[in-house]
Amino acid sequence: MTDGVPWMKSQYRLKKNEDFQYVFQRGNSAANRQFVVYQLKKEQQDTIRIGLSVSKKLGNAVDRNRIKRLMKEILRELAPDLLQNRDVVIIARKPAADMDYHQMKKSMYHVMKVAKLFRAPTRVNR
């Protein structure tokens, strides 16, 4: 269900390899042990577009899809506080495979805060 989660709709997602590569080459990055976040400010765009990447090194398809589901749910919760007019790519690293929801949320919040992706200081239930 995508009610209230505009970035989950097709126009709010990064899907093409060339879009990912453009963000990697021209964007800024922030990282912690579990995630890497690349962001690129785009003045001509008034919404945020997000792409997720989970390598095959993190496990089989079931494991990778679980990680992506958790990441999407966390982003759904954080979406109202995120800055717009950006392309963002979030890459999961190996330690993310062993995390539960609350650990992953805390880690994603941290790396996104370091990347300065929030509109104003936010508080997240930890």
PDB file of N, CA and C in Angstrom:
ATOM      1  N   MET A   1       0.846  -1.178   0.000  1.00  0.00           N
ATOM      2  CA  MET A   1       0.000   0.000   0.000  1.00  0.00           C
ATOM      3  C   MET A   1       0.890   1.238   0.000  1.00  0.00           C
ATOM      4  N   THR A   2       0.624   2.166  -0.881  1.00  0.00           N
ATOM      5  CA  THR A   2       1.491   3.327  -1.020  1.00  0.00           C
ATOM      6  C   THR A   2       0.821   4.619  -0.585  1.00  0.00           C
ATOM      7  N   ASP A   3      -0.289   4.547   0.145  1.00  0.00           N
ATOM      8  CA  ASP A   3      -0.957   5.760   0.613  1.00  0.00           C
ATOM      9  C   ASP A   3      -0.022   6.554   1.512  1.00  0.00           C
ATOM     10  N   GLY A   4       0.161   7.827   1.197  1.00  0.00           N
ATOM     11  CA  GLY A   4       1.000   8.678   2.014  1.00  0.00           C
ATOM     12  C   GLY A   4       2.489   8.433   1.836  1.00  0.00           C
ATOM     13  N   VAL A   5       2.846   7.601   0.891  1.00  0.00           N
ATOM     14  CA  VAL A   5       4.257   7.293   0.654  1.00  0.00           C
ATOM     15  C   VAL A   5       4.555   7.589  -0.812  1.00  0.00           C
ATOM     16  N   PRO A   6       4.634   8.882  -1.167  1.00  0.00           N
ATOM     17  CA  PRO A   6       4.758   9.211  -2.581  1.00  0.00           C
ATOM     18  C   PRO A   6       6.013   8.673  -3.248  1.00  0.00           C
ATOM     19  N   TRP A   7       7.121   8.572  -2.540  1.00  0.00           N
ATOM     20  CA  TRP A   7       8.358   8.147  -3.202  1.00  0.00           C
ATOM     21  C   TRP A   7       8.318   6.688  -3.617  1.00  0.00           C
ATOM     22  N   MET A   8       7.401   5.907  -3.066  1.00  0.00           N
ATOM     23  CA  MET A   8       7.327   4.506  -3.461  1.00  0.00           C
ATOM     24  C   MET A   8       6.684   4.344  -4.836  1.00  0.00           C
ATOM     25  N   LYS A   9       5.966   5.360  -5.292  1.00  0.00           N
ATOM     26  CA  LYS A   9       5.410   5.312  -6.634  1.00  0.00           C
ATOM     27  C   LYS A   9       6.560   5.411  -7.625  1.00  0.00           C
ATOM     28  N   SER A  10       6.296   4.979  -8.824  1.00  0.00           N
ATOM     29  CA  SER A  10       7.343   4.863  -9.835  1.00  0.00           C
ATOM     30  C   SER A  10       8.141   6.149 -10.043  1.00  0.00           C
ATOM     31  N   GLN A  11       7.473   7.289 -10.079  1.00  0.00           N
ATOM     32  CA  GLN A  11       8.192   8.535 -10.363  1.00  0.00           C
ATOM     33  C   GLN A  11       9.074   8.996  -9.210  1.00  0.00           C
ATOM     34  N   TYR A  12       8.962   8.366  -8.049  1.00  0.00           N
ATOM     35  CA  TYR A  12       9.771   8.739  -6.893  1.00  0.00           C
ATOM     36  C   TYR A  12      10.889   7.741  -6.612  1.00  0.00           C
ATOM     37  N   ARG A  13      11.136   6.846  -7.560  1.00  0.00           N
ATOM     38  CA  ARG A  13      12.196   5.855  -7.371  1.00  0.00           C
ATOM     39  C   ARG A  13      13.252   6.009  -8.450  1.00  0.00           C
ATOM     40  N   LEU A  14      14.479   5.734  -8.095  1.00  0.00           N
ATOM     41  CA  LEU A  14      15.551   5.634  -9.081  1.00  0.00           C
ATOM     42  C   LEU A  14      15.584   4.186  -9.535  1.00  0.00           C
ATOM     43  N   LYS A  15      15.522   3.968 -10.845  1.00  0.00           N
ATOM     44  CA  LYS A  15      15.499   2.601 -11.344  1.00  0.00           C
ATOM     45  C   LYS A  15      16.584   2.328 -12.384  1.00  0.00           C
ATOM     46  N   LYS A  16      16.897   3.328 -13.177  1.00  0.00           N
ATOM     47  CA  LYS A  16      17.848   3.113 -14.267  1.00  0.00           C
ATOM     48  C   LYS A  16      19.286   3.166 -13.770  1.00  0.00           C
ATOM     49  N   ASN A  17      20.112   2.314 -14.338  1.00  0.00           N
ATOM     50  CA  ASN A  17      21.525   2.275 -13.987  1.00  0.00           C
ATOM     51  C   ASN A  17      22.175   3.636 -14.225  1.00  0.00           C
ATOM     52  N   GLU A  18      21.793   4.314 -15.296  1.00  0.00           N
ATOM     53  CA  GLU A  18      22.400   5.616 -15.597  1.00  0.00           C
ATOM     54  C   GLU A  18      22.059   6.652 -14.520  1.00  0.00           C
ATOM     55  N   ASP A  19      20.871   6.561 -13.928  1.00  0.00           N
ATOM     56  CA  ASP A  19      20.514   7.467 -12.829  1.00  0.00           C
ATOM     57  C   ASP A  19      21.373   7.191 -11.601  1.00  0.00           C
ATOM     58  N   PHE A  20      21.562   5.903 -11.282  1.00  0.00           N
ATOM     59  CA  PHE A  20      22.415   5.525 -10.157  1.00  0.00           C
ATOM     60  C   PHE A  20      23.840   6.016 -10.399  1.00  0.00           C
ATOM     61  N   GLN A  21      24.371   5.786 -11.595  1.00  0.00           N
ATOM     62  CA  GLN A  21      25.741   6.177 -11.913  1.00  0.00           C
ATOM     63  C   GLN A  21      25.927   7.692 -11.824  1.00  0.00           C
ATOM     64  N   TYR A  22      24.928   8.441 -12.264  1.00  0.00           N
ATOM     65  CA  TYR A  22      24.996   9.899 -12.211  1.00  0.00           C
ATOM     66  C   TYR A  22      25.104  10.382 -10.764  1.00  0.00           C
ATOM     67  N   VAL A  23      24.321   9.772  -9.874  1.00  0.00           N
ATOM     68  CA  VAL A  23      24.373  10.134  -8.453  1.00  0.00           C
ATOM     69  C   VAL A  23      25.723   9.738  -7.861  1.00  0.00           C
ATOM     70  N   PHE A  24      26.232   8.548  -8.216  1.00  0.00           N
ATOM     71  CA  PHE A  24      27.533   8.102  -7.704  1.00  0.00           C
ATOM     72  C   PHE A  24      28.643   9.058  -8.126  1.00  0.00           C
ATOM     73  N   GLN A  25      28.630   9.487  -9.386  1.00  0.00           N
ATOM     74  CA  GLN A  25      29.714  10.303  -9.924  1.00  0.00           C
ATOM     75  C   GLN A  25      29.664  11.754  -9.455  1.00  0.00           C
ATOM     76  N   ARG A  26      28.468  12.309  -9.331  1.00  0.00           N
ATOM     77  CA  ARG A  26      28.353  13.733  -9.041  1.00  0.00           C
ATOM     78  C   ARG A  26      27.879  14.057  -7.633  1.00  0.00           C
ATOM     79  N   GLY A  27      27.401  13.057  -6.913  1.00  0.00           N
ATOM     80  CA  GLY A  27      26.818  13.316  -5.599  1.00  0.00           C
ATOM     81  C   GLY A  27      27.811  13.251  -4.458  1.00  0.00           C
ATOM     82  N   ASN A  28      27.326  13.580  -3.282  1.00  0.00           N
ATOM     83  CA  ASN A  28      28.106  13.495  -2.050  1.00  0.00           C
ATOM     84  C   ASN A  28      27.722  12.215  -1.329  1.00  0.00           C
ATOM     85  N   SER A  29      28.642  11.705  -0.525  1.00  0.00           N
ATOM     86  CA  SER A  29      28.338  10.461   0.182  1.00  0.00           C
ATOM     87  C   SER A  29      28.565  10.610   1.679  1.00  0.00           C
ATOM     88  N   ALA A  30      27.862   9.762   2.407  1.00  0.00           N
ATOM     89  CA  ALA A  30      28.043   9.624   3.853  1.00  0.00           C
ATOM     90  C   ALA A  30      27.891   8.140   4.135  1.00  0.00           C
ATOM     91  N   ALA A  31      28.605   7.650   5.145  1.00  0.00           N
ATOM     92  CA  ALA A  31      28.563   6.210   5.394  1.00  0.00           C
ATOM     93  C   ALA A  31      28.745   5.898   6.865  1.00  0.00           C
ATOM     94  N   ASN A  32      28.245   4.742   7.231  1.00  0.00           N
ATOM     95  CA  ASN A  32      28.585   4.127   8.506  1.00  0.00           C
ATOM     96  C   ASN A  32      28.880   2.656   8.201  1.00  0.00           C
ATOM     97  N   ARG A  33      28.968   1.816   9.195  1.00  0.00           N
ATOM     98  CA  ARG A  33      29.343   0.423   8.937  1.00  0.00           C
ATOM     99  C   ARG A  33      28.277  -0.339   8.157  1.00  0.00           C
ATOM    100  N   GLN A  34      27.020   0.078   8.264  1.00  0.00           N
ATOM    101  CA  GLN A  34      25.930  -0.678   7.667  1.00  0.00           C
ATOM    102  C   GLN A  34      25.408  -0.119   6.340  1.00  0.00           C
ATOM    103  N   PHE A  35      25.530   1.185   6.125  1.00  0.00           N
ATOM    104  CA  PHE A  35      24.944   1.807   4.937  1.00  0.00           C
ATOM    105  C   PHE A  35      25.849   2.877   4.352  1.00  0.00           C
ATOM    106  N   VAL A  36      25.708   3.090   3.045  1.00  0.00           N
ATOM    107  CA  VAL A  36      26.328   4.213   2.351  1.00  0.00           C
ATOM    108  C   VAL A  36      25.184   4.980   1.699  1.00  0.00           C
ATOM    109  N   VAL A  37      25.185   6.298   1.858  1.00  0.00           N
ATOM    110  CA  VAL A  37      24.152   7.142   1.258  1.00  0.00           C
ATOM    111  C   VAL A  37      24.829   8.124   0.313  1.00  0.00           C
ATOM    112  N   TYR A  38      24.394   8.120  -0.938  1.00  0.00           N
ATOM    113  CA  TYR A  38      24.826   9.111  -1.917  1.00  0.00           C
ATOM    114  C   TYR A  38      23.639  10.019  -2.171  1.00  0.00           C
ATOM    115  N   GLN A  39      23.907  11.321  -2.252  1.00  0.00           N
ATOM    116  CA  GLN A  39      22.824  12.253  -2.566  1.00  0.00           C
ATOM    117  C   GLN A  39      23.311  13.285  -3.562  1.00  0.00           C
ATOM    118  N   LEU A  40      22.400  13.697  -4.414  1.00  0.00           N
ATOM    119  CA  LEU A  40      22.695  14.711  -5.415  1.00  0.00           C
ATOM    120  C   LEU A  40      21.531  15.689  -5.444  1.00  0.00           C
ATOM    121  N   LYS A  41      21.824  16.946  -5.174  1.00  0.00           N
ATOM    122  CA  LYS A  41      20.777  17.971  -5.190  1.00  0.00           C
ATOM    123  C   LYS A  41      20.447  18.302  -6.639  1.00  0.00           C
ATOM    124  N   LYS A  42      19.148  18.370  -6.942  1.00  0.00           N
ATOM    125  CA  LYS A  42      18.696  18.671  -8.302  1.00  0.00           C
ATOM    126  C   LYS A  42      17.683  19.805  -8.226  1.00  0.00           C
ATOM    127  N   GLU A  43      18.131  20.995  -8.598  1.00  0.00           N
ATOM    128  CA  GLU A  43      17.294  22.192  -8.485  1.00  0.00           C
ATOM    129  C   GLU A  43      16.038  22.110  -9.352  1.00  0.00           C
ATOM    130  N   GLN A  44      16.136  21.465 -10.516  1.00  0.00           N
ATOM    131  CA  GLN A  44      15.005  21.433 -11.442  1.00  0.00           C
ATOM    132  C   GLN A  44      13.942  20.420 -11.037  1.00  0.00           C
ATOM    133  N   GLN A  45      14.166  19.715  -9.959  1.00  0.00           N
ATOM    134  CA  GLN A  45      13.259  18.651  -9.516  1.00  0.00           C
ATOM    135  C   GLN A  45      12.683  19.057  -8.160  1.00  0.00           C
ATOM    136  N   ASP A  46      11.380  18.886  -7.976  1.00  0.00           N
ATOM    137  CA  ASP A  46      10.775  19.329  -6.717  1.00  0.00           C
ATOM    138  C   ASP A  46      10.430  18.188  -5.769  1.00  0.00           C
ATOM    139  N   THR A  47      10.850  16.983  -6.089  1.00  0.00           N
ATOM    140  CA  THR A  47      10.586  15.832  -5.220  1.00  0.00           C
ATOM    141  C   THR A  47      11.876  15.063  -4.975  1.00  0.00           C
ATOM    142  N   ILE A  48      11.810  14.149  -4.044  1.00  0.00           N
ATOM    143  CA  ILE A  48      12.951  13.280  -3.769  1.00  0.00           C
ATOM    144  C   ILE A  48      12.751  11.969  -4.525  1.00  0.00           C
ATOM    145  N   ARG A  49      13.840  11.445  -5.088  1.00  0.00           N
ATOM    146  CA  ARG A  49      13.803  10.117  -5.713  1.00  0.00           C
ATOM    147  C   ARG A  49      14.831   9.267  -4.986  1.00  0.00           C
ATOM    148  N   ILE A  50      14.431   8.057  -4.619  1.00  0.00           N
ATOM    149  CA  ILE A  50      15.296   7.192  -3.824  1.00  0.00           C
ATOM    150  C   ILE A  50      15.512   5.869  -4.538  1.00  0.00           C
ATOM    151  N   GLY A  51      16.765   5.419  -4.544  1.00  0.00           N
ATOM    152  CA  GLY A  51      17.109   4.107  -5.076  1.00  0.00           C
ATOM    153  C   GLY A  51      17.784   3.291  -3.992  1.00  0.00           C
ATOM    154  N   LEU A  52      17.452   2.012  -3.930  1.00  0.00           N
ATOM    155  CA  LEU A  52      18.042   1.110  -2.944  1.00  0.00           C
ATOM    156  C   LEU A  52      18.915   0.098  -3.658  1.00  0.00           C
ATOM    157  N   SER A  53      20.014  -0.259  -3.028  1.00  0.00           N
ATOM    158  CA  SER A  53      20.909  -1.255  -3.593  1.00  0.00           C
ATOM    159  C   SER A  53      21.335  -2.226  -2.503  1.00  0.00           C
ATOM    160  N   VAL A  54      21.123  -3.512  -2.774  1.00  0.00           N
ATOM    161  CA  VAL A  54      21.531  -4.567  -1.852  1.00  0.00           C
ATOM    162  C   VAL A  54      22.292  -5.600  -2.676  1.00  0.00           C
ATOM    163  N   SER A  55      23.573  -5.731  -2.413  1.00  0.00           N
ATOM    164  CA  SER A  55      24.449  -6.605  -3.185  1.00  0.00           C
ATOM    165  C   SER A  55      24.145  -8.083  -2.960  1.00  0.00           C
ATOM    166  N   LYS A  56      24.476  -8.891  -3.943  1.00  0.00           N
ATOM    167  CA  LYS A  56      24.333 -10.344  -3.805  1.00  0.00           C
ATOM    168  C   LYS A  56      25.260 -10.899  -2.735  1.00  0.00           C
ATOM    169  N   LYS A  57      26.253 -10.127  -2.345  1.00  0.00           N
ATOM    170  CA  LYS A  57      27.161 -10.555  -1.282  1.00  0.00           C
ATOM    171  C   LYS A  57      26.449 -10.647   0.066  1.00  0.00           C
ATOM    172  N   LEU A  58      25.291 -10.001   0.185  1.00  0.00           N
ATOM    173  CA  LEU A  58      24.577  -9.974   1.456  1.00  0.00           C
ATOM    174  C   LEU A  58      23.714 -11.203   1.694  1.00  0.00           C
ATOM    175  N   GLY A  59      23.597 -12.072   0.722  1.00  0.00           N
ATOM    176  CA  GLY A  59      22.828 -13.293   0.939  1.00  0.00           C
ATOM    177  C   GLY A  59      21.997 -13.657  -0.270  1.00  0.00           C
ATOM    178  N   ASN A  60      21.157 -14.667  -0.081  1.00  0.00           N
ATOM    179  CA  ASN A  60      20.307 -15.106  -1.183  1.00  0.00           C
ATOM    180  C   ASN A  60      19.157 -14.113  -1.383  1.00  0.00           C
ATOM    181  N   ALA A  61      18.296 -14.390  -2.344  1.00  0.00           N
ATOM    182  CA  ALA A  61      17.222 -13.460  -2.697  1.00  0.00           C
ATOM    183  C   ALA A  61      16.297 -13.180  -1.515  1.00  0.00           C
ATOM    184  N   VAL A  62      16.023 -14.196  -0.714  1.00  0.00           N
ATOM    185  CA  VAL A  62      15.152 -14.019   0.447  1.00  0.00           C
ATOM    186  C   VAL A  62      15.766 -13.013   1.417  1.00  0.00           C
ATOM    187  N   ASP A  63      17.044 -13.156   1.688  1.00  0.00           N
ATOM    188  CA  ASP A  63      17.737 -12.245   2.604  1.00  0.00           C
ATOM    189  C   ASP A  63      17.777 -10.822   2.049  1.00  0.00           C
ATOM    190  N   ARG A  64      18.106 -10.699   0.763  1.00  0.00           N
ATOM    191  CA  ARG A  64      18.193  -9.369   0.148  1.00  0.00           C
ATOM    192  C   ARG A  64      16.830  -8.675   0.131  1.00  0.00           C
ATOM    193  N   ASN A  65      15.786  -9.418  -0.184  1.00  0.00           N
ATOM    194  CA  ASN A  65      14.447  -8.826  -0.210  1.00  0.00           C
ATOM    195  C   ASN A  65      13.994  -8.412   1.182  1.00  0.00           C
ATOM    196  N   ARG A  66      14.375  -9.169   2.201  1.00  0.00           N
ATOM    197  CA  ARG A  66      14.050  -8.803   3.582  1.00  0.00           C
ATOM    198  C   ARG A  66      14.707  -7.472   3.934  1.00  0.00           C
ATOM    199  N   ILE A  67      15.972  -7.336   3.565  1.00  0.00           N
ATOM    200  CA  ILE A  67      16.695  -6.089   3.837  1.00  0.00           C
ATOM    201  C   ILE A  67      16.010  -4.924   3.124  1.00  0.00           C
ATOM    202  N   LYS A  68      15.638  -5.124   1.859  1.00  0.00           N
ATOM    203  CA  LYS A  68      14.973  -4.057   1.105  1.00  0.00           C
ATOM    204  C   LYS A  68      13.614  -3.701   1.702  1.00  0.00           C
ATOM    205  N   ARG A  69      12.869  -4.702   2.151  1.00  0.00           N
ATOM    206  CA  ARG A  69      11.571  -4.434   2.786  1.00  0.00           C
ATOM    207  C   ARG A  69      11.738  -3.592   4.045  1.00  0.00           C
ATOM    208  N   LEU A  70      12.722  -3.941   4.853  1.00  0.00           N
ATOM    209  CA  LEU A  70      12.977  -3.167   6.072  1.00  0.00           C
ATOM    210  C   LEU A  70      13.404  -1.740   5.730  1.00  0.00           C
ATOM    211  N   MET A  71      14.280  -1.605   4.737  1.00  0.00           N
ATOM    212  CA  MET A  71      14.733  -0.274   4.332  1.00  0.00           C
ATOM    213  C   MET A  71      13.557   0.573   3.840  1.00  0.00           C
ATOM    214  N   LYS A  72      12.669  -0.023   3.052  1.00  0.00           N
ATOM    215  CA  LYS A  72      11.507   0.709   2.540  1.00  0.00           C
ATOM    216  C   LYS A  72      10.583   1.150   3.670  1.00  0.00           C
ATOM    217  N   GLU A  73      10.368   0.276   4.637  1.00  0.00           N
ATOM    218  CA  GLU A  73       9.501   0.622   5.761  1.00  0.00           C
ATOM    219  C   GLU A  73      10.102   1.769   6.576  1.00  0.00           C
ATOM    220  N   ILE A  74      11.400   1.716   6.795  1.00  0.00           N
ATOM    221  CA  ILE A  74      12.070   2.788   7.536  1.00  0.00           C
ATOM    222  C   ILE A  74      11.973   4.101   6.756  1.00  0.00           C
ATOM    223  N   LEU A  75      12.192   4.039   5.456  1.00  0.00           N
ATOM    224  CA  LEU A  75      12.087   5.246   4.633  1.00  0.00           C
ATOM    225  C   LEU A  75      10.658   5.779   4.617  1.00  0.00           C
ATOM    226  N   ARG A  76       9.680   4.894   4.645  1.00  0.00           N
ATOM    227  CA  ARG A  76       8.281   5.322   4.699  1.00  0.00           C
ATOM    228  C   ARG A  76       8.036   6.164   5.954  1.00  0.00           C
ATOM    229  N   GLU A  77       8.623   5.740   7.066  1.00  0.00           N
ATOM    230  CA  GLU A  77       8.461   6.478   8.317  1.00  0.00           C
ATOM    231  C   GLU A  77       9.219   7.806   8.305  1.00  0.00           C
ATOM    232  N   LEU A  78      10.379   7.815   7.682  1.00  0.00           N
ATOM    233  CA  LEU A  78      11.212   9.019   7.671  1.00  0.00           C
ATOM    234  C   LEU A  78      10.853   9.989   6.546  1.00  0.00           C
ATOM    235  N   ALA A  79      10.103   9.546   5.546  1.00  0.00           N
ATOM    236  CA  ALA A  79       9.822  10.330   4.341  1.00  0.00           C
ATOM    237  C   ALA A  79       9.307  11.746   4.607  1.00  0.00           C
ATOM    238  N   PRO A  80       8.382  11.957   5.546  1.00  0.00           N
ATOM    239  CA  PRO A  80       7.886  13.329   5.743  1.00  0.00           C
ATOM    240  C   PRO A  80       8.959  14.320   6.182  1.00  0.00           C
ATOM    241  N   ASP A  81      10.036  13.850   6.781  1.00  0.00           N
ATOM    242  CA  ASP A  81      11.083  14.739   7.287  1.00  0.00           C
ATOM    243  C   ASP A  81      12.256  14.912   6.327  1.00  0.00           C
ATOM    244  N   LEU A  82      12.231  14.234   5.178  1.00  0.00           N
ATOM    245  CA  LEU A  82      13.359  14.297   4.251  1.00  0.00           C
ATOM    246  C   LEU A  82      13.284  15.530   3.359  1.00  0.00           C
ATOM    247  N   LEU A  83      14.454  16.057   3.019  1.00  0.00           N
ATOM    248  CA  LEU A  83      14.541  17.161   2.072  1.00  0.00           C
ATOM    249  C   LEU A  83      14.082  16.689   0.701  1.00  0.00           C
ATOM    250  N   GLN A  84      13.505  17.603  -0.055  1.00  0.00           N
ATOM    251  CA  GLN A  84      13.053  17.280  -1.406  1.00  0.00           C
ATOM    252  C   GLN A  84      14.147  17.684  -2.399  1.00  0.00           C
ATOM    253  N   ASN A  85      13.822  17.720  -3.641  1.00  0.00           N
ATOM    254  CA  ASN A  85      14.697  18.061  -4.776  1.00  0.00           C
ATOM    255  C   ASN A  85      16.082  17.411  -4.697  1.00  0.00           C
ATOM    256  N   ARG A  86      16.087  16.103  -4.481  1.00  0.00           N
ATOM    257  CA  ARG A  86      17.331  15.337  -4.441  1.00  0.00           C
ATOM    258  C   ARG A  86      17.119  13.951  -5.026  1.00  0.00           C
ATOM    259  N   ASP A  87      18.202  13.396  -5.522  1.00  0.00           N
ATOM    260  CA  ASP A  87      18.258  11.971  -5.842  1.00  0.00           C
ATOM    261  C   ASP A  87      19.133  11.337  -4.772  1.00  0.00           C
ATOM    262  N   VAL A  88      18.665  10.238  -4.201  1.00  0.00           N
ATOM    263  CA  VAL A  88      19.372   9.573  -3.108  1.00  0.00           C
ATOM    264  C   VAL A  88      19.518   8.094  -3.442  1.00  0.00           C
ATOM    265  N   VAL A  89      20.705   7.559  -3.226  1.00  0.00           N
ATOM    266  CA  VAL A  89      20.946   6.123  -3.364  1.00  0.00           C
ATOM    267  C   VAL A  89      21.435   5.617  -2.016  1.00  0.00           C
ATOM    268  N   ILE A  90      20.793   4.563  -1.524  1.00  0.00           N
ATOM    269  CA  ILE A  90      21.187   3.961  -0.252  1.00  0.00           C
ATOM    270  C   ILE A  90      21.667   2.545  -0.531  1.00  0.00           C
ATOM    271  N   ILE A  91      22.896   2.265  -0.132  1.00  0.00           N
ATOM    272  CA  ILE A  91      23.506   0.952  -0.351  1.00  0.00           C
ATOM    273  C   ILE A  91      23.674   0.262   0.991  1.00  0.00           C
ATOM    274  N   ALA A  92      23.169  -0.957   1.077  1.00  0.00           N
ATOM    275  CA  ALA A  92      23.320  -1.745   2.302  1.00  0.00           C
ATOM    276  C   ALA A  92      24.663  -2.467   2.265  1.00  0.00           C
ATOM    277  N   ARG A  93      25.353  -2.465   3.388  1.00  0.00           N
ATOM    278  CA  ARG A  93      26.613  -3.194   3.529  1.00  0.00           C
ATOM    279  C   ARG A  93      26.377  -4.489   4.300  1.00  0.00           C
ATOM    280  N   LYS A  94      27.374  -5.335   4.337  1.00  0.00           N
ATOM    281  CA  LYS A  94      27.269  -6.664   4.932  1.00  0.00           C
ATOM    282  C   LYS A  94      26.671  -6.683   6.346  1.00  0.00           C
ATOM    283  N   PRO A  95      27.091  -5.826   7.278  1.00  0.00           N
ATOM    284  CA  PRO A  95      26.524  -5.891   8.633  1.00  0.00           C
ATOM    285  C   PRO A  95      25.007  -5.670   8.685  1.00  0.00           C
ATOM    286  N   ALA A  96      24.435  -5.030   7.666  1.00  0.00           N
ATOM    287  CA  ALA A  96      22.990  -4.786   7.653  1.00  0.00           C
ATOM    288  C   ALA A  96      22.199  -6.087   7.571  1.00  0.00           C
ATOM    289  N   ALA A  97      22.806  -7.129   7.040  1.00  0.00           N
ATOM    290  CA  ALA A  97      22.111  -8.407   6.880  1.00  0.00           C
ATOM    291  C   ALA A  97      21.754  -9.037   8.221  1.00  0.00           C
ATOM    292  N   ASP A  98      22.497  -8.720   9.263  1.00  0.00           N
ATOM    293  CA  ASP A  98      22.281  -9.332  10.575  1.00  0.00           C
ATOM    294  C   ASP A  98      21.484  -8.448  11.529  1.00  0.00           C
ATOM    295  N   MET A  99      20.967  -7.338  11.044  1.00  0.00           N
ATOM    296  CA  MET A  99      20.283  -6.391  11.920  1.00  0.00           C
ATOM    297  C   MET A  99      18.785  -6.645  11.955  1.00  0.00           C
ATOM    298  N   ASP A 100      18.180  -6.340  13.112  1.00  0.00           N
ATOM    299  CA  ASP A 100      16.727  -6.368  13.179  1.00  0.00           C
ATOM    300  C   ASP A 100      16.208  -4.975  12.809  1.00  0.00           C
ATOM    301  N   TYR A 101      14.904  -4.829  12.793  1.00  0.00           N
ATOM    302  CA  TYR A 101      14.281  -3.588  12.346  1.00  0.00           C
ATOM    303  C   TYR A 101      14.765  -2.371  13.136  1.00  0.00           C
ATOM    304  N   HIS A 102      14.771  -2.462  14.447  1.00  0.00           N
ATOM    305  CA  HIS A 102      15.114  -1.303  15.282  1.00  0.00           C
ATOM    306  C   HIS A 102      16.582  -0.906  15.137  1.00  0.00           C
ATOM    307  N   GLN A 103      17.459  -1.885  15.035  1.00  0.00           N
ATOM    308  CA  GLN A 103      18.876  -1.583  14.821  1.00  0.00           C
ATOM    309  C   GLN A 103      19.070  -0.912  13.464  1.00  0.00           C
ATOM    310  N   MET A 104      18.385  -1.450  12.443  1.00  0.00           N
ATOM    311  CA  MET A 104      18.511  -0.897  11.101  1.00  0.00           C
ATOM    312  C   MET A 104      17.963   0.530  11.052  1.00  0.00           C
ATOM    313  N   LYS A 105      16.862   0.773  11.725  1.00  0.00           N
ATOM    314  CA  LYS A 105      16.270   2.112  11.746  1.00  0.00           C
ATOM    315  C   LYS A 105      17.227   3.109  12.384  1.00  0.00           C
ATOM    316  N   LYS A 106      17.820   2.722  13.492  1.00  0.00           N
ATOM    317  CA  LYS A 106      18.770   3.598  14.179  1.00  0.00           C
ATOM    318  C   LYS A 106      19.975   3.896  13.283  1.00  0.00           C
ATOM    319  N   SER A 107      20.483   2.879  12.605  1.00  0.00           N
ATOM    320  CA  SER A 107      21.640   3.039  11.739  1.00  0.00           C
ATOM    321  C   SER A 107      21.313   3.902  10.517  1.00  0.00           C
ATOM    322  N   MET A 108      20.159   3.654   9.888  1.00  0.00           N
ATOM    323  CA  MET A 108      19.770   4.455   8.723  1.00  0.00           C
ATOM    324  C   MET A 108      19.530   5.906   9.121  1.00  0.00           C
ATOM    325  N   TYR A 109      18.886   6.109  10.257  1.00  0.00           N
ATOM    326  CA  TYR A 109      18.660   7.471  10.741  1.00  0.00           C
ATOM    327  C   TYR A 109      20.002   8.184  10.928  1.00  0.00           C
ATOM    328  N   HIS A 110      20.960   7.488  11.526  1.00  0.00           N
ATOM    329  CA  HIS A 110      22.277   8.076  11.773  1.00  0.00           C
ATOM    330  C   HIS A 110      22.957   8.493  10.472  1.00  0.00           C
ATOM    331  N   VAL A 111      23.015   7.585   9.507  1.00  0.00           N
ATOM    332  CA  VAL A 111      23.738   7.895   8.272  1.00  0.00           C
ATOM    333  C   VAL A 111      23.004   8.977   7.468  1.00  0.00           C
ATOM    334  N   MET A 112      21.684   9.000   7.530  1.00  0.00           N
ATOM    335  CA  MET A 112      20.942  10.040   6.819  1.00  0.00           C
ATOM    336  C   MET A 112      21.087  11.395   7.513  1.00  0.00           C
ATOM    337  N   LYS A 113      21.242  11.378   8.811  1.00  0.00           N
ATOM    338  CA  LYS A 113      21.495  12.611   9.558  1.00  0.00           C
ATOM    339  C   LYS A 113      22.880  13.152   9.203  1.00  0.00           C
ATOM    340  N   VAL A 114      23.869  12.273   9.127  1.00  0.00           N
ATOM    341  CA  VAL A 114      25.224  12.677   8.733  1.00  0.00           C
ATOM    342  C   VAL A 114      25.209  13.258   7.318  1.00  0.00           C
ATOM    343  N   ALA A 115      24.389  12.671   6.439  1.00  0.00           N
ATOM    344  CA  ALA A 115      24.284  13.146   5.055  1.00  0.00           C
ATOM    345  C   ALA A 115      23.452  14.423   4.936  1.00  0.00           C
ATOM    346  N   LYS A 116      22.869  14.869   6.056  1.00  0.00           N
ATOM    347  CA  LYS A 116      22.053  16.086   6.098  1.00  0.00           C
ATOM    348  C   LYS A 116      20.857  15.994   5.149  1.00  0.00           C
ATOM    349  N   LEU A 117      20.135  14.891   5.248  1.00  0.00           N
ATOM    350  CA  LEU A 117      18.962  14.680   4.405  1.00  0.00           C
ATOM    351  C   LEU A 117      17.655  15.105   5.065  1.00  0.00           C
ATOM    352  N   PHE A 118      17.709  15.545   6.315  1.00  0.00           N
ATOM    353  CA  PHE A 118      16.484  15.917   7.017  1.00  0.00           C
ATOM    354  C   PHE A 118      16.219  17.408   6.906  1.00  0.00           C
ATOM    355  N   ARG A 119      14.948  17.774   6.843  1.00  0.00           N
ATOM    356  CA  ARG A 119      14.545  19.184   6.722  1.00  0.00           C
ATOM    357  C   ARG A 119      14.947  19.995   7.935  1.00  0.00           C
ATOM    358  N   ALA A 120      14.674  19.470   9.097  1.00  0.00           N
ATOM    359  CA  ALA A 120      14.970  20.154  10.354  1.00  0.00           C
ATOM    360  C   ALA A 120      15.345  19.078  11.359  1.00  0.00           C
ATOM    361  N   PRO A 121      15.885  19.456  12.491  1.00  0.00           N
ATOM    362  CA  PRO A 121      16.204  18.433  13.488  1.00  0.00           C
ATOM    363  C   PRO A 121      14.976  17.576  13.787  1.00  0.00           C
ATOM    364  N   THR A 122      15.173  16.263  13.707  1.00  0.00           N
ATOM    365  CA  THR A 122      14.061  15.340  13.918  1.00  0.00           C
ATOM    366  C   THR A 122      14.368  14.405  15.062  1.00  0.00           C
ATOM    367  N   ARG A 123      13.312  13.861  15.611  1.00  0.00           N
ATOM    368  CA  ARG A 123      13.447  12.853  16.672  1.00  0.00           C
ATOM    369  C   ARG A 123      12.821  11.574  16.181  1.00  0.00           C
ATOM    370  N   VAL A 124      13.550  10.515  16.308  1.00  0.00           N
ATOM    371  CA  VAL A 124      13.051   9.211  15.889  1.00  0.00           C
ATOM    372  C   VAL A 124      12.999   8.313  17.107  1.00  0.00           C
ATOM    373  N   ASN A 125      11.928   7.555  17.218  1.00  0.00           N
ATOM    374  CA  ASN A 125      11.844   6.593  18.322  1.00  0.00           C
ATOM    375  C   ASN A 125      12.930   5.555  18.151  1.00  0.00           C
ATOM    376  N   ARG A 126      13.765   5.432  19.146  1.00  0.00           N
ATOM    377  CA  ARG A 126      14.865   4.473  19.039  1.00  0.00           C
ATOM    378  C   ARG A 126      14.611   3.347  19.933  1.00  0.00           C
TER     379      ARG A 126
END
